[in-house]
Amino acid sequence: MGSRFSDKILAILQHKVEDHNEKYSQKLTLNQLIRVYKRGEKITISMFTPSVSTAHWAMARVNLFLKLVQERKVNKDYQKRDDDILKGTEFSYTQEQNEDFWDFHKLDFTVARTDLLLASITDDEANQTFIPPLEEIE
């Protein structure tokens, strides 16, 4: 039996944290990327697009957050959206408010879809909701 969708997403996010932390002095936690991912999922409630799955929106936001942390060029409208996560507020993804961000480029969704396909997440699975473990993730 294959891995569940949430296990696959958790593995992608964990890999992104490890990869980032090996290369950059500004360290990230898995909890931070989970919060960003969940914010990306929430936008799909108001921004339904048939060709863009829930996981595409969420992973595109994670990738944009990583660019921000790495001080690479990001959309000006995004720069303050997830700044609270970067600064280390104590909220969990279930407690926080979400500020919608939807101004992604087509390439952002392509990279997000590539991340998902490399993790063996099908397009059908990509419309599921990521449910992280209940225990505290650090």
N, C-alpha and C. Protein backbone atom coordinates (compact mmCIF):
# COMPACT_ATOMS: atom_id res chain seq x y z
N MET A 1 0.85 -1.17 0.00
CA MET A 1 0.00 0.00 0.00
C MET A 1 0.90 1.24 0.00
N GLY A 2 0.55 2.23 -0.80
CA GLY A 2 1.34 3.44 -0.91
C GLY A 2 1.13 4.38 0.27
N SER A 3 1.96 5.40 0.31
CA SER A 3 1.84 6.42 1.35
C SER A 3 0.57 7.22 1.16
N ARG A 4 0.01 7.70 2.26
CA ARG A 4 -1.16 8.58 2.20
C ARG A 4 -0.73 9.94 1.67
N PHE A 5 -1.69 10.67 1.15
CA PHE A 5 -1.44 12.01 0.62
C PHE A 5 -0.73 12.89 1.64
N SER A 6 -1.25 12.95 2.88
CA SER A 6 -0.65 13.82 3.89
C SER A 6 0.77 13.41 4.23
N ASP A 7 1.05 12.11 4.22
CA ASP A 7 2.42 11.65 4.47
C ASP A 7 3.35 12.13 3.35
N LYS A 8 2.85 12.10 2.13
CA LYS A 8 3.66 12.54 0.99
C LYS A 8 3.94 14.04 1.06
N ILE A 9 2.92 14.82 1.40
CA ILE A 9 3.10 16.27 1.53
C ILE A 9 4.06 16.57 2.67
N LEU A 10 3.89 15.90 3.78
CA LEU A 10 4.79 16.10 4.92
C LEU A 10 6.23 15.79 4.53
N ALA A 11 6.44 14.75 3.74
CA ALA A 11 7.79 14.39 3.29
C ALA A 11 8.37 15.47 2.37
N ILE A 12 7.55 16.03 1.48
CA ILE A 12 8.02 17.11 0.61
C ILE A 12 8.46 18.31 1.45
N LEU A 13 7.61 18.69 2.38
CA LEU A 13 7.90 19.86 3.21
C LEU A 13 9.14 19.62 4.06
N GLN A 14 9.27 18.42 4.61
CA GLN A 14 10.46 18.09 5.41
C GLN A 14 11.72 18.18 4.55
N HIS A 15 11.65 17.65 3.35
CA HIS A 15 12.80 17.71 2.43
C HIS A 15 13.15 19.17 2.11
N LYS A 16 12.15 20.00 1.88
CA LYS A 16 12.40 21.41 1.58
C LYS A 16 13.07 22.11 2.76
N VAL A 17 12.64 21.79 3.98
CA VAL A 17 13.26 22.38 5.18
C VAL A 17 14.73 21.95 5.26
N GLU A 18 14.98 20.66 5.11
CA GLU A 18 16.35 20.15 5.21
C GLU A 18 17.24 20.74 4.13
N ASP A 19 16.74 20.78 2.91
CA ASP A 19 17.52 21.33 1.80
C ASP A 19 17.84 22.81 2.05
N HIS A 20 16.82 23.56 2.46
CA HIS A 20 17.03 24.98 2.74
C HIS A 20 18.04 25.18 3.87
N ASN A 21 17.88 24.45 4.96
CA ASN A 21 18.73 24.64 6.13
C ASN A 21 20.19 24.25 5.87
N GLU A 22 20.43 23.35 4.93
CA GLU A 22 21.79 23.00 4.55
C GLU A 22 22.48 24.14 3.80
N LYS A 23 21.70 24.93 3.07
CA LYS A 23 22.27 25.93 2.16
C LYS A 23 22.25 27.36 2.68
N TYR A 24 21.37 27.67 3.63
CA TYR A 24 21.16 29.07 4.03
C TYR A 24 21.30 29.24 5.54
N SER A 25 21.75 30.43 5.94
CA SER A 25 21.93 30.70 7.36
C SER A 25 20.59 30.93 8.07
N GLN A 26 19.60 31.48 7.39
CA GLN A 26 18.26 31.68 7.96
C GLN A 26 17.57 30.33 8.00
N LYS A 27 17.46 29.72 9.17
CA LYS A 27 16.90 28.38 9.31
C LYS A 27 15.38 28.41 9.38
N LEU A 28 14.78 27.35 8.88
CA LEU A 28 13.33 27.18 8.89
C LEU A 28 12.97 25.93 9.67
N THR A 29 11.70 25.86 10.07
CA THR A 29 11.19 24.66 10.72
C THR A 29 10.09 24.05 9.85
N LEU A 30 9.83 22.80 10.10
CA LEU A 30 8.73 22.12 9.40
C LEU A 30 7.40 22.80 9.71
N ASN A 31 7.21 23.21 10.95
CA ASN A 31 5.97 23.88 11.34
C ASN A 31 5.74 25.15 10.51
N GLN A 32 6.79 25.90 10.23
CA GLN A 32 6.63 27.10 9.41
C GLN A 32 6.12 26.76 8.01
N LEU A 33 6.71 25.73 7.38
CA LEU A 33 6.25 25.38 6.04
C LEU A 33 4.85 24.79 6.05
N ILE A 34 4.49 24.09 7.11
CA ILE A 34 3.12 23.58 7.21
C ILE A 34 2.15 24.76 7.26
N ARG A 35 2.46 25.78 8.03
CA ARG A 35 1.58 26.95 8.13
C ARG A 35 1.43 27.63 6.77
N VAL A 36 2.53 27.78 6.06
CA VAL A 36 2.46 28.42 4.74
C VAL A 36 1.63 27.55 3.80
N TYR A 37 1.85 26.24 3.80
CA TYR A 37 1.10 25.33 2.95
C TYR A 37 -0.40 25.44 3.24
N LYS A 38 -0.77 25.43 4.52
CA LYS A 38 -2.19 25.50 4.88
C LYS A 38 -2.81 26.82 4.44
N ARG A 39 -2.05 27.91 4.50
CA ARG A 39 -2.55 29.18 3.99
C ARG A 39 -2.80 29.09 2.48
N GLY A 40 -1.91 28.40 1.79
CA GLY A 40 -2.09 28.22 0.35
C GLY A 40 -3.33 27.40 0.03
N GLU A 41 -3.61 26.41 0.85
CA GLU A 41 -4.83 25.61 0.65
C GLU A 41 -6.08 26.46 0.82
N LYS A 42 -6.06 27.36 1.77
CA LYS A 42 -7.26 28.14 2.09
C LYS A 42 -7.72 29.03 0.94
N ILE A 43 -6.80 29.44 0.10
CA ILE A 43 -7.17 30.32 -1.02
C ILE A 43 -8.08 29.60 -2.01
N THR A 44 -7.99 28.28 -2.07
CA THR A 44 -8.80 27.55 -3.04
C THR A 44 -10.29 27.65 -2.75
N ILE A 45 -10.65 28.03 -1.52
CA ILE A 45 -12.06 28.21 -1.18
C ILE A 45 -12.65 29.35 -2.01
N SER A 46 -11.87 30.41 -2.21
CA SER A 46 -12.38 31.58 -2.93
C SER A 46 -11.87 31.69 -4.37
N MET A 47 -10.84 30.94 -4.71
CA MET A 47 -10.21 31.07 -6.03
C MET A 47 -10.21 29.74 -6.78
N PHE A 48 -11.35 29.16 -7.01
CA PHE A 48 -11.42 27.89 -7.73
C PHE A 48 -10.94 28.07 -9.15
N THR A 49 -10.00 27.23 -9.54
CA THR A 49 -9.50 27.20 -10.91
C THR A 49 -9.40 25.73 -11.30
N PRO A 50 -10.14 25.29 -12.30
CA PRO A 50 -10.17 23.86 -12.65
C PRO A 50 -8.79 23.25 -12.94
N SER A 51 -7.90 24.02 -13.53
CA SER A 51 -6.60 23.46 -13.91
C SER A 51 -5.55 23.55 -12.80
N VAL A 52 -5.92 24.16 -11.66
CA VAL A 52 -4.97 24.32 -10.56
C VAL A 52 -5.57 23.68 -9.31
N SER A 53 -4.92 22.65 -8.82
CA SER A 53 -5.43 21.92 -7.66
C SER A 53 -5.12 22.64 -6.36
N THR A 54 -5.73 22.16 -5.31
CA THR A 54 -5.47 22.68 -3.96
C THR A 54 -3.99 22.60 -3.64
N ALA A 55 -3.39 21.47 -3.91
CA ALA A 55 -1.97 21.28 -3.60
C ALA A 55 -1.08 22.16 -4.46
N HIS A 56 -1.48 22.46 -5.69
CA HIS A 56 -0.69 23.38 -6.52
C HIS A 56 -0.64 24.77 -5.89
N TRP A 57 -1.80 25.28 -5.47
CA TRP A 57 -1.86 26.58 -4.81
C TRP A 57 -0.96 26.59 -3.58
N ALA A 58 -1.11 25.53 -2.77
CA ALA A 58 -0.38 25.47 -1.50
C ALA A 58 1.13 25.35 -1.72
N MET A 59 1.54 24.49 -2.64
CA MET A 59 2.97 24.29 -2.87
C MET A 59 3.59 25.51 -3.55
N ALA A 60 2.82 26.18 -4.39
CA ALA A 60 3.32 27.41 -5.01
C ALA A 60 3.60 28.45 -3.92
N ARG A 61 2.73 28.50 -2.92
CA ARG A 61 2.95 29.46 -1.84
C ARG A 61 4.17 29.06 -1.00
N VAL A 62 4.36 27.79 -0.76
CA VAL A 62 5.56 27.32 -0.03
C VAL A 62 6.81 27.72 -0.79
N ASN A 63 6.82 27.49 -2.09
CA ASN A 63 8.00 27.83 -2.90
C ASN A 63 8.26 29.33 -2.91
N LEU A 64 7.20 30.12 -2.92
CA LEU A 64 7.35 31.58 -2.87
C LEU A 64 7.91 32.00 -1.51
N PHE A 65 7.45 31.37 -0.46
CA PHE A 65 7.96 31.65 0.88
C PHE A 65 9.46 31.33 0.96
N LEU A 66 9.85 30.22 0.38
CA LEU A 66 11.28 29.86 0.38
C LEU A 66 12.11 30.90 -0.37
N LYS A 67 11.59 31.39 -1.49
CA LYS A 67 12.28 32.46 -2.21
C LYS A 67 12.42 33.69 -1.33
N LEU A 68 11.37 34.04 -0.61
CA LEU A 68 11.39 35.20 0.28
C LEU A 68 12.47 35.04 1.34
N VAL A 69 12.52 33.89 1.98
CA VAL A 69 13.50 33.63 3.03
C VAL A 69 14.92 33.66 2.47
N GLN A 70 15.07 33.20 1.24
CA GLN A 70 16.39 33.15 0.60
C GLN A 70 16.77 34.49 -0.02
N GLU A 71 15.92 35.49 0.21
CA GLU A 71 16.14 36.86 -0.28
C GLU A 71 16.28 36.91 -1.81
N ARG A 72 15.49 36.04 -2.47
CA ARG A 72 15.39 36.08 -3.91
C ARG A 72 14.19 36.95 -4.28
N LYS A 73 14.09 37.31 -5.52
CA LYS A 73 13.02 38.21 -5.97
C LYS A 73 11.66 37.50 -5.86
N VAL A 74 10.73 38.19 -5.19
CA VAL A 74 9.36 37.69 -5.09
C VAL A 74 8.40 38.83 -5.44
N ASN A 75 7.19 38.46 -5.77
CA ASN A 75 6.14 39.41 -6.08
C ASN A 75 5.99 40.40 -4.93
N LYS A 76 5.99 41.68 -5.25
CA LYS A 76 5.90 42.73 -4.24
C LYS A 76 4.67 42.58 -3.36
N ASP A 77 3.56 42.15 -3.93
CA ASP A 77 2.33 41.98 -3.17
C ASP A 77 2.44 40.84 -2.15
N TYR A 78 3.35 39.92 -2.36
CA TYR A 78 3.51 38.79 -1.45
C TYR A 78 4.44 39.11 -0.28
N GLN A 79 5.35 40.03 -0.43
CA GLN A 79 6.45 40.23 0.50
C GLN A 79 6.05 40.27 1.98
N LYS A 80 4.90 40.79 2.30
CA LYS A 80 4.47 40.88 3.71
C LYS A 80 3.45 39.82 4.10
N ARG A 81 3.00 39.00 3.16
CA ARG A 81 1.92 38.05 3.43
C ARG A 81 2.27 37.02 4.50
N ASP A 82 3.43 36.42 4.43
CA ASP A 82 3.82 35.37 5.37
C ASP A 82 4.98 35.81 6.25
N ASP A 83 5.16 37.11 6.35
CA ASP A 83 6.24 37.67 7.16
C ASP A 83 6.10 37.27 8.63
N ASP A 84 4.86 37.14 9.11
CA ASP A 84 4.64 36.75 10.50
C ASP A 84 5.19 35.35 10.77
N ILE A 85 5.07 34.47 9.81
CA ILE A 85 5.61 33.11 9.97
C ILE A 85 7.13 33.17 10.01
N LEU A 86 7.69 33.97 9.14
CA LEU A 86 9.14 34.12 9.09
C LEU A 86 9.68 34.68 10.41
N LYS A 87 8.93 35.59 11.02
CA LYS A 87 9.36 36.20 12.28
C LYS A 87 9.10 35.32 13.49
N GLY A 88 8.41 34.21 13.29
CA GLY A 88 8.26 33.23 14.36
C GLY A 88 7.13 33.45 15.33
N THR A 89 5.98 33.89 14.86
CA THR A 89 4.84 33.99 15.76
C THR A 89 4.48 32.60 16.28
N GLU A 90 3.78 32.56 17.35
CA GLU A 90 3.52 31.29 18.04
C GLU A 90 2.25 30.57 17.59
N PHE A 91 1.56 31.09 16.59
CA PHE A 91 0.33 30.47 16.14
C PHE A 91 0.58 29.13 15.47
N SER A 92 -0.44 28.28 15.50
CA SER A 92 -0.43 27.08 14.68
C SER A 92 -1.30 27.37 13.46
N TYR A 93 -1.29 26.49 12.49
CA TYR A 93 -2.08 26.74 11.29
C TYR A 93 -3.57 26.78 11.57
N THR A 94 -4.02 26.17 12.65
CA THR A 94 -5.45 26.17 12.95
C THR A 94 -5.90 27.43 13.67
N GLN A 95 -4.98 28.19 14.24
CA GLN A 95 -5.33 29.37 15.02
C GLN A 95 -5.28 30.67 14.23
N GLU A 96 -4.54 30.69 13.17
CA GLU A 96 -4.22 31.96 12.53
C GLU A 96 -5.24 32.42 11.49
N GLN A 97 -5.19 33.69 11.23
CA GLN A 97 -5.97 34.28 10.15
C GLN A 97 -5.19 34.10 8.86
N ASN A 98 -5.88 34.11 7.76
CA ASN A 98 -5.22 33.94 6.47
C ASN A 98 -5.41 35.19 5.63
N GLU A 99 -4.32 35.68 5.08
CA GLU A 99 -4.40 36.78 4.14
C GLU A 99 -4.21 36.17 2.75
N ASP A 100 -5.26 36.23 1.96
CA ASP A 100 -5.22 35.60 0.64
C ASP A 100 -4.14 36.19 -0.25
N PHE A 101 -3.52 35.32 -1.01
CA PHE A 101 -2.58 35.72 -2.04
C PHE A 101 -2.81 34.80 -3.22
N TRP A 102 -3.03 35.37 -4.39
CA TRP A 102 -3.37 34.56 -5.56
C TRP A 102 -2.61 34.98 -6.81
N ASP A 103 -1.70 35.90 -6.71
CA ASP A 103 -1.03 36.45 -7.89
C ASP A 103 0.22 35.65 -8.27
N PHE A 104 0.02 34.37 -8.55
CA PHE A 104 1.13 33.51 -8.96
C PHE A 104 1.30 33.57 -10.48
N HIS A 105 2.50 33.31 -10.91
CA HIS A 105 2.77 33.17 -12.35
C HIS A 105 2.52 31.71 -12.73
N LYS A 106 2.31 31.48 -13.99
CA LYS A 106 2.09 30.11 -14.47
C LYS A 106 3.27 29.21 -14.09
N LEU A 107 4.48 29.76 -14.14
CA LEU A 107 5.67 28.98 -13.78
C LEU A 107 5.61 28.51 -12.32
N ASP A 108 5.05 29.34 -11.43
CA ASP A 108 4.93 28.95 -10.02
C ASP A 108 4.10 27.67 -9.88
N PHE A 109 3.01 27.58 -10.64
CA PHE A 109 2.17 26.39 -10.59
C PHE A 109 2.85 25.19 -11.26
N THR A 110 3.62 25.45 -12.29
CA THR A 110 4.36 24.37 -12.96
C THR A 110 5.39 23.77 -12.03
N VAL A 111 6.12 24.60 -11.32
CA VAL A 111 7.12 24.11 -10.36
C VAL A 111 6.42 23.36 -9.23
N ALA A 112 5.30 23.88 -8.76
CA ALA A 112 4.54 23.21 -7.70
C ALA A 112 4.06 21.84 -8.17
N ARG A 113 3.55 21.76 -9.39
CA ARG A 113 3.08 20.47 -9.92
C ARG A 113 4.24 19.49 -10.06
N THR A 114 5.40 19.98 -10.45
CA THR A 114 6.59 19.14 -10.56
C THR A 114 6.96 18.57 -9.19
N ASP A 115 6.94 19.42 -8.16
CA ASP A 115 7.20 18.93 -6.80
C ASP A 115 6.26 17.80 -6.43
N LEU A 116 4.99 17.97 -6.74
CA LEU A 116 3.98 16.97 -6.39
C LEU A 116 4.17 15.69 -7.18
N LEU A 117 4.44 15.81 -8.48
CA LEU A 117 4.63 14.61 -9.30
C LEU A 117 5.88 13.84 -8.88
N LEU A 118 6.93 14.55 -8.49
CA LEU A 118 8.15 13.88 -8.02
C LEU A 118 7.90 13.10 -6.73
N ALA A 119 6.89 13.51 -5.98
CA ALA A 119 6.52 12.81 -4.75
C ALA A 119 5.42 11.77 -5.00
N SER A 120 5.14 11.50 -6.26
CA SER A 120 4.12 10.53 -6.67
C SER A 120 2.72 10.93 -6.21
N ILE A 121 2.45 12.22 -6.25
CA ILE A 121 1.12 12.72 -5.92
C ILE A 121 0.39 12.97 -7.23
N THR A 122 -0.68 12.24 -7.42
CA THR A 122 -1.44 12.36 -8.66
C THR A 122 -2.26 13.65 -8.65
N ASP A 123 -2.73 14.05 -9.81
CA ASP A 123 -3.58 15.23 -9.89
C ASP A 123 -4.86 15.04 -9.08
N ASP A 124 -5.40 13.82 -9.05
CA ASP A 124 -6.59 13.56 -8.24
C ASP A 124 -6.29 13.74 -6.75
N GLU A 125 -5.17 13.20 -6.31
CA GLU A 125 -4.78 13.36 -4.91
C GLU A 125 -4.55 14.82 -4.55
N ALA A 126 -4.06 15.60 -5.50
CA ALA A 126 -3.67 16.98 -5.23
C ALA A 126 -4.84 17.86 -4.83
N ASN A 127 -6.05 17.40 -4.98
CA ASN A 127 -7.21 18.17 -4.53
C ASN A 127 -7.63 17.81 -3.11
N GLN A 128 -6.89 16.92 -2.48
CA GLN A 128 -7.18 16.57 -1.09
C GLN A 128 -6.60 17.64 -0.17
N THR A 129 -7.04 17.61 1.06
CA THR A 129 -6.54 18.54 2.07
C THR A 129 -5.44 17.87 2.87
N PHE A 130 -4.36 18.61 3.08
CA PHE A 130 -3.24 18.12 3.86
C PHE A 130 -3.60 18.17 5.34
N ILE A 131 -3.49 17.04 6.00
CA ILE A 131 -3.77 16.98 7.43
C ILE A 131 -2.48 16.56 8.13
N PRO A 132 -1.77 17.55 8.70
CA PRO A 132 -0.52 17.22 9.38
C PRO A 132 -0.78 16.47 10.68
N PRO A 133 0.25 15.84 11.21
CA PRO A 133 0.09 15.10 12.47
C PRO A 133 -0.39 16.04 13.60
N LEU A 134 -1.11 15.48 14.53
CA LEU A 134 -1.63 16.27 15.65
C LEU A 134 -0.53 16.69 16.63
N GLU A 135 0.49 15.87 16.78
CA GLU A 135 1.55 16.21 17.72
C GLU A 135 2.28 17.47 17.26
N GLU A 136 2.89 18.16 18.18
CA GLU A 136 3.60 19.39 17.88
C GLU A 136 4.79 19.10 16.96
N ILE A 137 4.90 19.83 15.88
CA ILE A 137 5.99 19.65 14.93
C ILE A 137 6.96 20.79 15.13
N GLU A 138 8.22 20.45 15.30
CA GLU A 138 9.23 21.50 15.48
C GLU A 138 10.27 21.45 14.41
